[in-house]
Amino acid sequence: AEFGAVREIFPDSLLINIENAGDFRIPAEAVEAVHFKKVIVDCSKLDERVRAAIAHAHDGETGPE
């Protein structure tokens, strides 16, 4: 699922903005692939704080009524 946007790229990590949570650095080794302007991330390589932020990225959204 989509959860944010890349803000900056570093040699060892990416700075990403996770919707509803703010900016986080994720390690480069968590990046599995990049294609079609999307970064595919292995969440098992992220710390619990980042995984929790991703899990709640869409909390404020509502579906069709």
PDB file of N, CA and C in Angstrom:
ATOM      1  N   ALA A   1       0.836  -1.189   0.000  1.00  0.00           N
ATOM      2  CA  ALA A   1       0.000   0.000   0.000  1.00  0.00           C
ATOM      3  C   ALA A   1       0.879   1.250   0.000  1.00  0.00           C
ATOM      4  N   GLU A   2       0.401   2.284  -0.595  1.00  0.00           N
ATOM      5  CA  GLU A   2       1.131   3.548  -0.600  1.00  0.00           C
ATOM      6  C   GLU A   2       0.989   4.204   0.764  1.00  0.00           C
ATOM      7  N   PHE A   3       2.093   4.803   1.236  1.00  0.00           N
ATOM      8  CA  PHE A   3       2.031   5.402   2.567  1.00  0.00           C
ATOM      9  C   PHE A   3       2.767   6.713   2.698  1.00  0.00           C
ATOM     10  N   GLY A   4       3.437   7.187   1.667  1.00  0.00           N
ATOM     11  CA  GLY A   4       4.159   8.436   1.809  1.00  0.00           C
ATOM     12  C   GLY A   4       4.977   8.799   0.596  1.00  0.00           C
ATOM     13  N   ALA A   5       5.980   9.661   0.827  1.00  0.00           N
ATOM     14  CA  ALA A   5       6.790  10.173  -0.272  1.00  0.00           C
ATOM     15  C   ALA A   5       8.255  10.277   0.157  1.00  0.00           C
ATOM     16  N   VAL A   6       9.150  10.050  -0.798  1.00  0.00           N
ATOM     17  CA  VAL A   6      10.579  10.210  -0.536  1.00  0.00           C
ATOM     18  C   VAL A   6      10.903  11.696  -0.527  1.00  0.00           C
ATOM     19  N   ARG A   7      11.549  12.149   0.522  1.00  0.00           N
ATOM     20  CA  ARG A   7      11.954  13.555   0.629  1.00  0.00           C
ATOM     21  C   ARG A   7      13.408  13.762   0.217  1.00  0.00           C
ATOM     22  N   GLU A   8      14.269  12.802   0.596  1.00  0.00           N
ATOM     23  CA  GLU A   8      15.698  12.953   0.312  1.00  0.00           C
ATOM     24  C   GLU A   8      16.348  11.573   0.269  1.00  0.00           C
ATOM     25  N   ILE A   9      17.396  11.461  -0.541  1.00  0.00           N
ATOM     26  CA  ILE A   9      18.121  10.196  -0.680  1.00  0.00           C
ATOM     27  C   ILE A   9      19.537  10.395  -0.142  1.00  0.00           C
ATOM     28  N   PHE A  10      19.950   9.473   0.730  1.00  0.00           N
ATOM     29  CA  PHE A  10      21.299   9.471   1.289  1.00  0.00           C
ATOM     30  C   PHE A  10      21.976   8.165   0.874  1.00  0.00           C
ATOM     31  N   PRO A  11      23.306   8.086   0.965  1.00  0.00           N
ATOM     32  CA  PRO A  11      23.985   6.849   0.569  1.00  0.00           C
ATOM     33  C   PRO A  11      23.508   5.614   1.346  1.00  0.00           C
ATOM     34  N   ASP A  12      23.138   5.796   2.615  1.00  0.00           N
ATOM     35  CA  ASP A  12      22.763   4.657   3.453  1.00  0.00           C
ATOM     36  C   ASP A  12      21.291   4.604   3.835  1.00  0.00           C
ATOM     37  N   SER A  13      20.488   5.585   3.372  1.00  0.00           N
ATOM     38  CA  SER A  13      19.084   5.623   3.790  1.00  0.00           C
ATOM     39  C   SER A  13      18.259   6.553   2.910  1.00  0.00           C
ATOM     40  N   LEU A  14      16.957   6.506   3.134  1.00  0.00           N
ATOM     41  CA  LEU A  14      16.014   7.435   2.500  1.00  0.00           C
ATOM     42  C   LEU A  14      15.286   8.193   3.603  1.00  0.00           C
ATOM     43  N   LEU A  15      15.044   9.456   3.381  1.00  0.00           N
ATOM     44  CA  LEU A  15      14.189  10.228   4.267  1.00  0.00           C
ATOM     45  C   LEU A  15      12.813  10.207   3.621  1.00  0.00           C
ATOM     46  N   ILE A  16      11.849   9.621   4.321  1.00  0.00           N
ATOM     47  CA  ILE A  16      10.503   9.532   3.772  1.00  0.00           C
ATOM     48  C   ILE A  16       9.522  10.243   4.686  1.00  0.00           C
ATOM     49  N   ASN A  17       8.477  10.775   4.075  1.00  0.00           N
ATOM     50  CA  ASN A  17       7.396  11.361   4.843  1.00  0.00           C
ATOM     51  C   ASN A  17       6.252  10.369   4.823  1.00  0.00           C
ATOM     52  N   ILE A  18       5.871   9.895   5.999  1.00  0.00           N
ATOM     53  CA  ILE A  18       4.762   8.962   6.120  1.00  0.00           C
ATOM     54  C   ILE A  18       3.520   9.764   6.472  1.00  0.00           C
ATOM     55  N   GLU A  19       2.468   9.557   5.679  1.00  0.00           N
ATOM     56  CA  GLU A  19       1.231  10.303   5.878  1.00  0.00           C
ATOM     57  C   GLU A  19       0.771  10.183   7.331  1.00  0.00           C
ATOM     58  N   ASN A  20       0.366  11.287   7.907  1.00  0.00           N
ATOM     59  CA  ASN A  20      -0.151  11.380   9.274  1.00  0.00           C
ATOM     60  C   ASN A  20       0.890  11.115  10.358  1.00  0.00           C
ATOM     61  N   ALA A  21       2.189  11.016  10.001  1.00  0.00           N
ATOM     62  CA  ALA A  21       3.191  10.699  11.014  1.00  0.00           C
ATOM     63  C   ALA A  21       4.456  11.547  10.923  1.00  0.00           C
ATOM     64  N   GLY A  22       4.785  12.080   9.758  1.00  0.00           N
ATOM     65  CA  GLY A  22       5.981  12.897   9.631  1.00  0.00           C
ATOM     66  C   GLY A  22       7.119  12.194   8.918  1.00  0.00           C
ATOM     67  N   ASP A  23       8.326  12.724   9.103  1.00  0.00           N
ATOM     68  CA  ASP A  23       9.512  12.247   8.397  1.00  0.00           C
ATOM     69  C   ASP A  23      10.233  11.158   9.183  1.00  0.00           C
ATOM     70  N   PHE A  24      10.710  10.142   8.454  1.00  0.00           N
ATOM     71  CA  PHE A  24      11.455   9.034   9.030  1.00  0.00           C
ATOM     72  C   PHE A  24      12.583   8.675   8.076  1.00  0.00           C
ATOM     73  N   ARG A  25      13.708   8.235   8.642  1.00  0.00           N
ATOM     74  CA  ARG A  25      14.796   7.695   7.820  1.00  0.00           C
ATOM     75  C   ARG A  25      14.663   6.179   7.818  1.00  0.00           C
ATOM     76  N   ILE A  26      14.719   5.599   6.630  1.00  0.00           N
ATOM     77  CA  ILE A  26      14.692   4.146   6.535  1.00  0.00           C
ATOM     78  C   ILE A  26      16.010   3.696   5.915  1.00  0.00           C
ATOM     79  N   PRO A  27      16.533   2.571   6.381  1.00  0.00           N
ATOM     80  CA  PRO A  27      17.833   2.110   5.869  1.00  0.00           C
ATOM     81  C   PRO A  27      17.743   1.658   4.416  1.00  0.00           C
ATOM     82  N   ALA A  28      18.812   1.883   3.682  1.00  0.00           N
ATOM     83  CA  ALA A  28      18.859   1.486   2.269  1.00  0.00           C
ATOM     84  C   ALA A  28      18.626  -0.005   2.090  1.00  0.00           C
ATOM     85  N   GLU A  29      19.067  -0.820   3.048  1.00  0.00           N
ATOM     86  CA  GLU A  29      18.883  -2.265   2.906  1.00  0.00           C
ATOM     87  C   GLU A  29      17.416  -2.692   2.992  1.00  0.00           C
ATOM     88  N   ALA A  30      16.524  -1.799   3.425  1.00  0.00           N
ATOM     89  CA  ALA A  30      15.091  -2.107   3.451  1.00  0.00           C
ATOM     90  C   ALA A  30      14.439  -1.897   2.080  1.00  0.00           C
ATOM     91  N   VAL A  31      15.144  -1.233   1.169  1.00  0.00           N
ATOM     92  CA  VAL A  31      14.601  -0.976  -0.166  1.00  0.00           C
ATOM     93  C   VAL A  31      14.806  -2.211  -1.034  1.00  0.00           C
ATOM     94  N   GLU A  32      13.690  -2.797  -1.482  1.00  0.00           N
ATOM     95  CA  GLU A  32      13.770  -3.995  -2.326  1.00  0.00           C
ATOM     96  C   GLU A  32      13.881  -3.637  -3.798  1.00  0.00           C
ATOM     97  N   ALA A  33      13.160  -2.592  -4.226  1.00  0.00           N
ATOM     98  CA  ALA A  33      13.158  -2.220  -5.644  1.00  0.00           C
ATOM     99  C   ALA A  33      12.603  -0.807  -5.796  1.00  0.00           C
ATOM    100  N   VAL A  34      12.901  -0.228  -6.947  1.00  0.00           N
ATOM    101  CA  VAL A  34      12.334   1.062  -7.323  1.00  0.00           C
ATOM    102  C   VAL A  34      11.883   0.941  -8.766  1.00  0.00           C
ATOM    103  N   HIS A  35      10.581   1.159  -8.991  1.00  0.00           N
ATOM    104  CA  HIS A  35      10.084   1.152 -10.364  1.00  0.00           C
ATOM    105  C   HIS A  35       8.762   1.877 -10.435  1.00  0.00           C
ATOM    106  N   PHE A  36       8.517   2.459 -11.604  1.00  0.00           N
ATOM    107  CA  PHE A  36       7.323   3.281 -11.833  1.00  0.00           C
ATOM    108  C   PHE A  36       7.174   4.376 -10.772  1.00  0.00           C
ATOM    109  N   LYS A  37       8.316   4.993 -10.398  1.00  0.00           N
ATOM    110  CA  LYS A  37       8.367   6.068  -9.410  1.00  0.00           C
ATOM    111  C   LYS A  37       7.865   5.644  -8.037  1.00  0.00           C
ATOM    112  N   LYS A  38       7.957   4.356  -7.739  1.00  0.00           N
ATOM    113  CA  LYS A  38       7.551   3.835  -6.435  1.00  0.00           C
ATOM    114  C   LYS A  38       8.719   3.073  -5.827  1.00  0.00           C
ATOM    115  N   VAL A  39       8.852   3.194  -4.510  1.00  0.00           N
ATOM    116  CA  VAL A  39       9.885   2.480  -3.772  1.00  0.00           C
ATOM    117  C   VAL A  39       9.208   1.311  -3.058  1.00  0.00           C
ATOM    118  N   ILE A  40       9.696   0.102  -3.314  1.00  0.00           N
ATOM    119  CA  ILE A  40       9.164  -1.090  -2.672  1.00  0.00           C
ATOM    120  C   ILE A  40      10.052  -1.376  -1.455  1.00  0.00           C
ATOM    121  N   VAL A  41       9.425  -1.469  -0.278  1.00  0.00           N
ATOM    122  CA  VAL A  41      10.159  -1.594   0.976  1.00  0.00           C
ATOM    123  C   VAL A  41       9.856  -2.937   1.636  1.00  0.00           C
ATOM    124  N   ASP A  42      10.884  -3.569   2.201  1.00  0.00           N
ATOM    125  CA  ASP A  42      10.721  -4.778   3.006  1.00  0.00           C
ATOM    126  C   ASP A  42      10.486  -4.322   4.441  1.00  0.00           C
ATOM    127  N   CYS A  43       9.240  -4.348   4.873  1.00  0.00           N
ATOM    128  CA  CYS A  43       8.882  -3.831   6.202  1.00  0.00           C
ATOM    129  C   CYS A  43       9.537  -4.603   7.336  1.00  0.00           C
ATOM    130  N   SER A  44       9.941  -5.842   7.092  1.00  0.00           N
ATOM    131  CA  SER A  44      10.602  -6.613   8.155  1.00  0.00           C
ATOM    132  C   SER A  44      11.965  -6.023   8.513  1.00  0.00           C
ATOM    133  N   LYS A  45      12.496  -5.160   7.641  1.00  0.00           N
ATOM    134  CA  LYS A  45      13.793  -4.526   7.893  1.00  0.00           C
ATOM    135  C   LYS A  45      13.655  -3.121   8.484  1.00  0.00           C
ATOM    136  N   LEU A  46      12.431  -2.747   8.852  1.00  0.00           N
ATOM    137  CA  LEU A  46      12.179  -1.441   9.450  1.00  0.00           C
ATOM    138  C   LEU A  46      11.958  -1.590  10.943  1.00  0.00           C
ATOM    139  N   ASP A  47      12.285  -0.552  11.703  1.00  0.00           N
ATOM    140  CA  ASP A  47      12.044  -0.656  13.138  1.00  0.00           C
ATOM    141  C   ASP A  47      10.542  -0.510  13.438  1.00  0.00           C
ATOM    142  N   GLU A  48      10.179  -0.900  14.636  1.00  0.00           N
ATOM    143  CA  GLU A  48       8.764  -0.944  15.033  1.00  0.00           C
ATOM    144  C   GLU A  48       8.085   0.420  14.913  1.00  0.00           C
ATOM    145  N   ARG A  49       8.797   1.487  15.211  1.00  0.00           N
ATOM    146  CA  ARG A  49       8.222   2.839  15.152  1.00  0.00           C
ATOM    147  C   ARG A  49       7.806   3.190  13.725  1.00  0.00           C
ATOM    148  N   VAL A  50       8.632   2.831  12.752  1.00  0.00           N
ATOM    149  CA  VAL A  50       8.318   3.106  11.348  1.00  0.00           C
ATOM    150  C   VAL A  50       7.164   2.224  10.886  1.00  0.00           C
ATOM    151  N   ARG A  51       7.185   0.940  11.260  1.00  0.00           N
ATOM    152  CA  ARG A  51       6.088   0.038  10.882  1.00  0.00           C
ATOM    153  C   ARG A  51       4.758   0.515  11.453  1.00  0.00           C
ATOM    154  N   ALA A  52       4.772   1.007  12.687  1.00  0.00           N
ATOM    155  CA  ALA A  52       3.537   1.514  13.298  1.00  0.00           C
ATOM    156  C   ALA A  52       3.028   2.737  12.543  1.00  0.00           C
ATOM    157  N   ALA A  53       3.936   3.632  12.158  1.00  0.00           N
ATOM    158  CA  ALA A  53       3.533   4.825  11.402  1.00  0.00           C
ATOM    159  C   ALA A  53       2.927   4.432  10.059  1.00  0.00           C
ATOM    160  N   ILE A  54       3.518   3.454   9.387  1.00  0.00           N
ATOM    161  CA  ILE A  54       2.983   2.991   8.103  1.00  0.00           C
ATOM    162  C   ILE A  54       1.597   2.380   8.303  1.00  0.00           C
ATOM    163  N   ALA A  55       1.433   1.601   9.352  1.00  0.00           N
ATOM    164  CA  ALA A  55       0.148   0.947   9.619  1.00  0.00           C
ATOM    165  C   ALA A  55      -0.979   1.947   9.820  1.00  0.00           C
ATOM    166  N   HIS A  56      -0.635   3.148  10.290  1.00  0.00           N
ATOM    167  CA  HIS A  56      -1.658   4.155  10.575  1.00  0.00           C
ATOM    168  C   HIS A  56      -1.674   5.309   9.566  1.00  0.00           C
ATOM    169  N   ALA A  57      -0.982   5.141   8.447  1.00  0.00           N
ATOM    170  CA  ALA A  57      -0.859   6.217   7.462  1.00  0.00           C
ATOM    171  C   ALA A  57      -2.198   6.678   6.901  1.00  0.00           C
ATOM    172  N   HIS A  58      -3.162   5.802   6.839  1.00  0.00           N
ATOM    173  CA  HIS A  58      -4.448   6.154   6.219  1.00  0.00           C
ATOM    174  C   HIS A  58      -5.589   6.237   7.224  1.00  0.00           C
ATOM    175  N   ASP A  59      -5.267   6.388   8.495  1.00  0.00           N
ATOM    176  CA  ASP A  59      -6.297   6.418   9.534  1.00  0.00           C
ATOM    177  C   ASP A  59      -7.331   7.525   9.331  1.00  0.00           C
ATOM    178  N   GLY A  60      -6.948   8.663   8.814  1.00  0.00           N
ATOM    179  CA  GLY A  60      -7.868   9.791   8.678  1.00  0.00           C
ATOM    180  C   GLY A  60      -8.762   9.724   7.453  1.00  0.00           C
ATOM    181  N   GLU A  61      -8.544   8.727   6.605  1.00  0.00           N
ATOM    182  CA  GLU A  61      -9.308   8.646   5.362  1.00  0.00           C
ATOM    183  C   GLU A  61     -10.621   7.913   5.596  1.00  0.00           C
ATOM    184  N   THR A  62     -11.618   8.311   4.813  1.00  0.00           N
ATOM    185  CA  THR A  62     -12.902   7.628   4.867  1.00  0.00           C
ATOM    186  C   THR A  62     -13.214   7.052   3.511  1.00  0.00           C
ATOM    187  N   GLY A  63     -13.906   5.955   3.500  1.00  0.00           N
ATOM    188  CA  GLY A  63     -14.286   5.312   2.246  1.00  0.00           C
ATOM    189  C   GLY A  63     -15.617   5.833   1.764  1.00  0.00           C
ATOM    190  N   PRO A  64     -16.124   5.273   0.673  1.00  0.00           N
ATOM    191  CA  PRO A  64     -17.427   5.695   0.141  1.00  0.00           C
ATOM    192  C   PRO A  64     -18.520   5.397   1.158  1.00  0.00           C
ATOM    193  N   GLU A  65     -19.458   6.297   1.227  1.00  0.00           N
ATOM    194  CA  GLU A  65     -20.544   6.116   2.195  1.00  0.00           C
ATOM    195  C   GLU A  65     -21.774   5.587   1.556  1.00  0.00           C
TER     196      GLU A  65
END
